[in-house]
Each structure stands twice: as structure tokens, then as C-alpha cells.
């Protein structure tokens, strides 16, 4: 009976133990697109990072290459800090990327090269997206930009 209660308690604790975020310091070695990078940590381990809270245009989508170039201009070959939030279904680590203390995820939205992620909104990203829209920055120069998730559904295999 006691063993049974202990087993049940252990199971409940195991299922409810919070996952603590970690911080990763690494050098950016590849910009895949406007919201995905590869970087090397101090142990020379490569990490695939998906930016939390934003969605940038796909590579073949309008403004996809400009988004990638904007991100490269900010952090390519730079040492960044990443607040890891979890892992996605593709095995990429999801996080908020910082360079010299600046939230790069937020900055991509602020300059108009990424959307605030509609499914998992982050901080004040929606507010800075509205400001970028009003100023017609980046992808907001297009009167009818296509949200990346919609683009992926419309053009499967073409991104």
C-alpha cells in the first residue's frame, strides 16, 4: 500500500515538474532564414535555433531573402546568447536570441521582417508589429503580405 502511494506520488511529480529554461552562448555560423539559425557553442556543438514568438517569410516567399539578409546583418558570425524555451517537432531548439543585450526576435518584427507569431504570441511583439505595419517597414510595403503559415499551406514543398 505504501509503495503504491509512493509510486503514484512519484508519477504525479514526474509529470508536473516544471522545465527550466536554459541559456546558450554560441557563435552564429549560418542564417537559414529570418527566424532560424545554426550556431556553435563553446564545446563546438552545433545547435539549430528557431526564434520564439516570431514567424519570418519563407525563403522563396516575398521578402524571404530580405528577411534573411537583415538577420545576417545583425548577427552572422557574432556571439549571441539564447534563452532556450524548448524544442520543436523538428528537433530545433526554440529561443529568444540576444546580441549585445538586444532581443533580436523582437527587432526582426520591429523592422518589418517577421510577424509576431500568432499561435504563440511573445511579450510585446504584436505591438511592435503594428508600429512596423503603420510605417510600412519591410514586408509591410506589400499591401497584402501572406503570413508564412498560410504560405506553407498554399505552396507545400515550394519553400
C-alpha atoms as a PDB file:
ATOM      1  CA  UNK A   1       0.000   0.000   0.000  1.00  0.00           C
ATOM      2  CA  UNK A   2       2.777   2.454   0.971  1.00  0.00           C
ATOM      3  CA  UNK A   3       4.772   1.506  -2.123  1.00  0.00           C
ATOM      4  CA  UNK A   4       1.702   2.127  -4.260  1.00  0.00           C
ATOM      5  CA  UNK A   5       1.191   5.621  -2.783  1.00  0.00           C
ATOM      6  CA  UNK A   6       4.874   6.413  -3.263  1.00  0.00           C
ATOM      7  CA  UNK A   7       4.685   5.264  -6.888  1.00  0.00           C
ATOM      8  CA  UNK A   8       1.624   7.410  -7.516  1.00  0.00           C
ATOM      9  CA  UNK A   9       3.277  10.428  -5.858  1.00  0.00           C
ATOM     10  CA  UNK A  10       6.416   9.926  -7.954  1.00  0.00           C
ATOM     11  CA  UNK A  11       4.340   9.711 -11.134  1.00  0.00           C
ATOM     12  CA  UNK A  12       2.453  12.928 -10.308  1.00  0.00           C
ATOM     13  CA  UNK A  13       5.687  14.785  -9.516  1.00  0.00           C
ATOM     14  CA  UNK A  14       7.408  13.494 -12.644  1.00  0.00           C
ATOM     15  CA  UNK A  15       4.550  14.704 -14.821  1.00  0.00           C
ATOM     16  CA  UNK A  16       4.282  18.124 -13.190  1.00  0.00           C
ATOM     17  CA  UNK A  17       7.928  19.039 -12.692  1.00  0.00           C
ATOM     18  CA  UNK A  18       8.496  22.344 -14.474  1.00  0.00           C
ATOM     19  CA  UNK A  19      11.006  22.515 -17.287  1.00  0.00           C
ATOM     20  CA  UNK A  20      13.504  25.262 -16.596  1.00  0.00           C
ATOM     21  CA  UNK A  21      14.768  27.352 -19.463  1.00  0.00           C
ATOM     22  CA  UNK A  22      18.484  27.432 -20.069  1.00  0.00           C
ATOM     23  CA  UNK A  23      20.802  29.968 -21.614  1.00  0.00           C
ATOM     24  CA  UNK A  24      23.048  29.084 -24.516  1.00  0.00           C
ATOM     25  CA  UNK A  25      26.056  31.142 -25.592  1.00  0.00           C
ATOM     26  CA  UNK A  26      27.150  30.452 -29.141  1.00  0.00           C
ATOM     27  CA  UNK A  27      28.575  31.857 -32.370  1.00  0.00           C
ATOM     28  CA  UNK A  28      26.163  32.158 -35.306  1.00  0.00           C
ATOM     29  CA  UNK A  29      27.560  30.140 -38.235  1.00  0.00           C
ATOM     30  CA  UNK A  30      24.529  30.003 -40.554  1.00  0.00           C
ATOM     31  CA  UNK A  31      21.387  32.010 -41.192  1.00  0.00           C
ATOM     32  CA  UNK A  32      18.810  29.585 -42.613  1.00  0.00           C
ATOM     33  CA  UNK A  33      16.084  32.216 -42.936  1.00  0.00           C
ATOM     34  CA  UNK A  34      14.695  35.152 -40.971  1.00  0.00           C
ATOM     35  CA  UNK A  35      13.786  33.078 -37.919  1.00  0.00           C
ATOM     36  CA  UNK A  36      16.188  30.118 -37.932  1.00  0.00           C
ATOM     37  CA  UNK A  37      19.949  29.937 -37.337  1.00  0.00           C
ATOM     38  CA  UNK A  38      22.724  27.465 -36.633  1.00  0.00           C
ATOM     39  CA  UNK A  39      25.350  28.224 -34.038  1.00  0.00           C
ATOM     40  CA  UNK A  40      28.344  26.630 -32.314  1.00  0.00           C
ATOM     41  CA  UNK A  41      28.685  26.588 -28.544  1.00  0.00           C
ATOM     42  CA  UNK A  42      31.949  26.610 -26.541  1.00  0.00           C
ATOM     43  CA  UNK A  43      32.199  22.802 -26.864  1.00  0.00           C
ATOM     44  CA  UNK A  44      31.953  23.032 -30.666  1.00  0.00           C
ATOM     45  CA  UNK A  45      28.456  21.518 -30.588  1.00  0.00           C
ATOM     46  CA  UNK A  46      26.161  22.743 -33.355  1.00  0.00           C
ATOM     47  CA  UNK A  47      22.656  23.939 -32.427  1.00  0.00           C
ATOM     48  CA  UNK A  48      19.681  24.598 -34.700  1.00  0.00           C
ATOM     49  CA  UNK A  49      17.712  27.504 -33.261  1.00  0.00           C
ATOM     50  CA  UNK A  50      14.151  28.539 -34.165  1.00  0.00           C
ATOM     51  CA  UNK A  51      13.290  32.031 -32.925  1.00  0.00           C
ATOM     52  CA  UNK A  52      10.475  32.028 -30.357  1.00  0.00           C
ATOM     53  CA  UNK A  53       7.469  34.262 -30.860  1.00  0.00           C
ATOM     54  CA  UNK A  54       8.076  35.249 -34.492  1.00  0.00           C
ATOM     55  CA  UNK A  55       7.468  33.878 -37.963  1.00  0.00           C
ATOM     56  CA  UNK A  56       9.559  35.221 -40.855  1.00  0.00           C
ATOM     57  CA  UNK A  57       8.777  34.836 -44.559  1.00  0.00           C
ATOM     58  CA  UNK A  58       9.860  31.572 -46.176  1.00  0.00           C
ATOM     59  CA  UNK A  59      12.984  31.732 -48.365  1.00  0.00           C
ATOM     60  CA  UNK A  60      11.032  31.676 -51.668  1.00  0.00           C
ATOM     61  CA  UNK A  61       8.293  33.913 -50.327  1.00  0.00           C
ATOM     62  CA  UNK A  62       8.229  37.679 -50.965  1.00  0.00           C
ATOM     63  CA  UNK A  63      10.673  39.352 -48.561  1.00  0.00           C
ATOM     64  CA  UNK A  64      12.125  35.951 -47.565  1.00  0.00           C
ATOM     65  CA  UNK A  65      15.637  36.786 -48.770  1.00  0.00           C
ATOM     66  CA  UNK A  66      15.482  40.341 -47.411  1.00  0.00           C
ATOM     67  CA  UNK A  67      14.463  38.967 -44.015  1.00  0.00           C
ATOM     68  CA  UNK A  68      17.381  36.524 -44.077  1.00  0.00           C
ATOM     69  CA  UNK A  69      19.788  39.315 -45.091  1.00  0.00           C
ATOM     70  CA  UNK A  70      18.511  41.620 -42.341  1.00  0.00           C
ATOM     71  CA  UNK A  71      19.114  38.918 -39.736  1.00  0.00           C
ATOM     72  CA  UNK A  72      22.554  38.116 -41.167  1.00  0.00           C
ATOM     73  CA  UNK A  73      23.492  41.786 -40.974  1.00  0.00           C
ATOM     74  CA  UNK A  74      22.710  41.794 -37.269  1.00  0.00           C
ATOM     75  CA  UNK A  75      24.162  38.517 -36.001  1.00  0.00           C
ATOM     76  CA  UNK A  76      26.045  36.420 -38.587  1.00  0.00           C
ATOM     77  CA  UNK A  77      29.450  35.372 -37.184  1.00  0.00           C
ATOM     78  CA  UNK A  78      28.552  37.050 -33.875  1.00  0.00           C
ATOM     79  CA  UNK A  79      28.497  35.646 -30.365  1.00  0.00           C
ATOM     80  CA  UNK A  80      24.869  35.551 -29.152  1.00  0.00           C
ATOM     81  CA  UNK A  81      23.011  34.500 -26.030  1.00  0.00           C
ATOM     82  CA  UNK A  82      19.867  32.425 -26.413  1.00  0.00           C
ATOM     83  CA  UNK A  83      17.176  31.955 -23.789  1.00  0.00           C
ATOM     84  CA  UNK A  84      16.061  28.421 -24.689  1.00  0.00           C
ATOM     85  CA  UNK A  85      12.317  27.862 -24.221  1.00  0.00           C
ATOM     86  CA  UNK A  86      12.010  24.305 -25.531  1.00  0.00           C
ATOM     87  CA  UNK A  87      12.318  22.122 -28.620  1.00  0.00           C
ATOM     88  CA  UNK A  88      10.030  21.913 -31.643  1.00  0.00           C
ATOM     89  CA  UNK A  89       8.844  18.835 -33.527  1.00  0.00           C
ATOM     90  CA  UNK A  90      11.815  19.121 -35.910  1.00  0.00           C
ATOM     91  CA  UNK A  91      14.344  18.942 -33.068  1.00  0.00           C
ATOM     92  CA  UNK A  92      15.246  22.621 -33.237  1.00  0.00           C
ATOM     93  CA  UNK A  93      15.743  24.490 -30.001  1.00  0.00           C
ATOM     94  CA  UNK A  94      13.272  27.348 -29.622  1.00  0.00           C
ATOM     95  CA  UNK A  95      14.536  30.518 -28.026  1.00  0.00           C
ATOM     96  CA  UNK A  96      14.886  34.250 -27.758  1.00  0.00           C
ATOM     97  CA  UNK A  97      18.166  35.407 -29.279  1.00  0.00           C
ATOM     98  CA  UNK A  98      20.072  38.304 -27.733  1.00  0.00           C
ATOM     99  CA  UNK A  99      23.015  40.203 -29.170  1.00  0.00           C
ATOM    100  CA  UNK A 100      24.635  42.904 -27.044  1.00  0.00           C
ATOM    101  CA  UNK A 101      21.568  42.763 -24.786  1.00  0.00           C
ATOM    102  CA  UNK A 102      19.100  43.402 -27.628  1.00  0.00           C
ATOM    103  CA  UNK A 103      16.191  40.991 -28.242  1.00  0.00           C
ATOM    104  CA  UNK A 104      16.821  40.076 -31.894  1.00  0.00           C
ATOM    105  CA  UNK A 105      13.475  38.266 -32.252  1.00  0.00           C
ATOM    106  CA  UNK A 106      11.682  41.486 -31.323  1.00  0.00           C
ATOM    107  CA  UNK A 107      13.997  43.517 -33.566  1.00  0.00           C
ATOM    108  CA  UNK A 108      13.075  41.403 -36.627  1.00  0.00           C
ATOM    109  CA  UNK A 109       9.401  42.214 -36.015  1.00  0.00           C
ATOM    110  CA  UNK A 110      10.196  45.861 -35.293  1.00  0.00           C
ATOM    111  CA  UNK A 111      11.974  46.384 -38.641  1.00  0.00           C
ATOM    112  CA  UNK A 112       9.215  44.609 -40.563  1.00  0.00           C
ATOM    113  CA  UNK A 113      10.959  41.362 -41.494  1.00  0.00           C
ATOM    114  CA  UNK A 114       8.914  38.998 -39.319  1.00  0.00           C
ATOM    115  CA  UNK A 115       5.412  38.661 -37.930  1.00  0.00           C
ATOM    116  CA  UNK A 116       4.611  38.322 -34.275  1.00  0.00           C
ATOM    117  CA  UNK A 117       3.815  34.595 -34.125  1.00  0.00           C
ATOM    118  CA  UNK A 118       0.023  34.392 -33.984  1.00  0.00           C
ATOM    119  CA  UNK A 119      -0.150  30.966 -32.392  1.00  0.00           C
ATOM    120  CA  UNK A 120       2.297  31.677 -29.554  1.00  0.00           C
ATOM    121  CA  UNK A 121       2.481  35.461 -29.045  1.00  0.00           C
ATOM    122  CA  UNK A 122       5.573  36.693 -27.218  1.00  0.00           C
ATOM    123  CA  UNK A 123       5.949  39.751 -24.983  1.00  0.00           C
ATOM    124  CA  UNK A 124       5.110  42.970 -26.808  1.00  0.00           C
ATOM    125  CA  UNK A 125       5.871  41.663 -30.299  1.00  0.00           C
ATOM    126  CA  UNK A 126       2.313  42.297 -31.541  1.00  0.00           C
ATOM    127  CA  UNK A 127       2.620  45.952 -30.528  1.00  0.00           C
ATOM    128  CA  UNK A 128       5.889  46.462 -32.426  1.00  0.00           C
ATOM    129  CA  UNK A 129       4.385  44.622 -35.408  1.00  0.00           C
ATOM    130  CA  UNK A 130       1.536  47.143 -35.504  1.00  0.00           C
ATOM    131  CA  UNK A 131       4.061  50.004 -35.485  1.00  0.00           C
ATOM    132  CA  UNK A 132       6.013  48.395 -38.366  1.00  0.00           C
ATOM    133  CA  UNK A 133       2.747  47.944 -40.307  1.00  0.00           C
ATOM    134  CA  UNK A 134       1.814  51.603 -39.848  1.00  0.00           C
ATOM    135  CA  UNK A 135       5.264  52.709 -41.031  1.00  0.00           C
ATOM    136  CA  UNK A 136       5.184  50.218 -43.948  1.00  0.00           C
ATOM    137  CA  UNK A 137       8.551  48.771 -42.981  1.00  0.00           C
ATOM    138  CA  UNK A 138       9.993  45.658 -44.623  1.00  0.00           C
ATOM    139  CA  UNK A 139       7.326  43.178 -45.693  1.00  0.00           C
ATOM    140  CA  UNK A 140       4.616  45.693 -44.782  1.00  0.00           C
ATOM    141  CA  UNK A 141       5.454  47.555 -48.010  1.00  0.00           C
ATOM    142  CA  UNK A 142       3.395  44.797 -49.643  1.00  0.00           C
ATOM    143  CA  UNK A 143      -0.317  45.713 -49.354  1.00  0.00           C
ATOM    144  CA  UNK A 144      -1.259  42.027 -48.913  1.00  0.00           C
ATOM    145  CA  UNK A 145       1.617  40.075 -47.348  1.00  0.00           C
ATOM    146  CA  UNK A 146       0.955  36.373 -46.824  1.00  0.00           C
ATOM    147  CA  UNK A 147       1.504  35.067 -43.300  1.00  0.00           C
ATOM    148  CA  UNK A 148       4.211  32.330 -43.525  1.00  0.00           C
ATOM    149  CA  UNK A 149       1.997  29.570 -42.125  1.00  0.00           C
ATOM    150  CA  UNK A 150      -0.616  30.332 -44.807  1.00  0.00           C
ATOM    151  CA  UNK A 151       2.120  30.433 -47.463  1.00  0.00           C
ATOM    152  CA  UNK A 152       3.355  26.989 -46.370  1.00  0.00           C
ATOM    153  CA  UNK A 153      -0.170  25.580 -46.751  1.00  0.00           C
ATOM    154  CA  UNK A 154      -0.710  27.230 -50.145  1.00  0.00           C
ATOM    155  CA  UNK A 155       2.662  26.265 -51.598  1.00  0.00           C
ATOM    156  CA  UNK A 156       3.600  22.975 -49.908  1.00  0.00           C
ATOM    157  CA  UNK A 157       7.078  21.884 -50.920  1.00  0.00           C
ATOM    158  CA  UNK A 158       7.841  25.249 -52.514  1.00  0.00           C
ATOM    159  CA  UNK A 159       9.709  26.918 -49.667  1.00  0.00           C
END
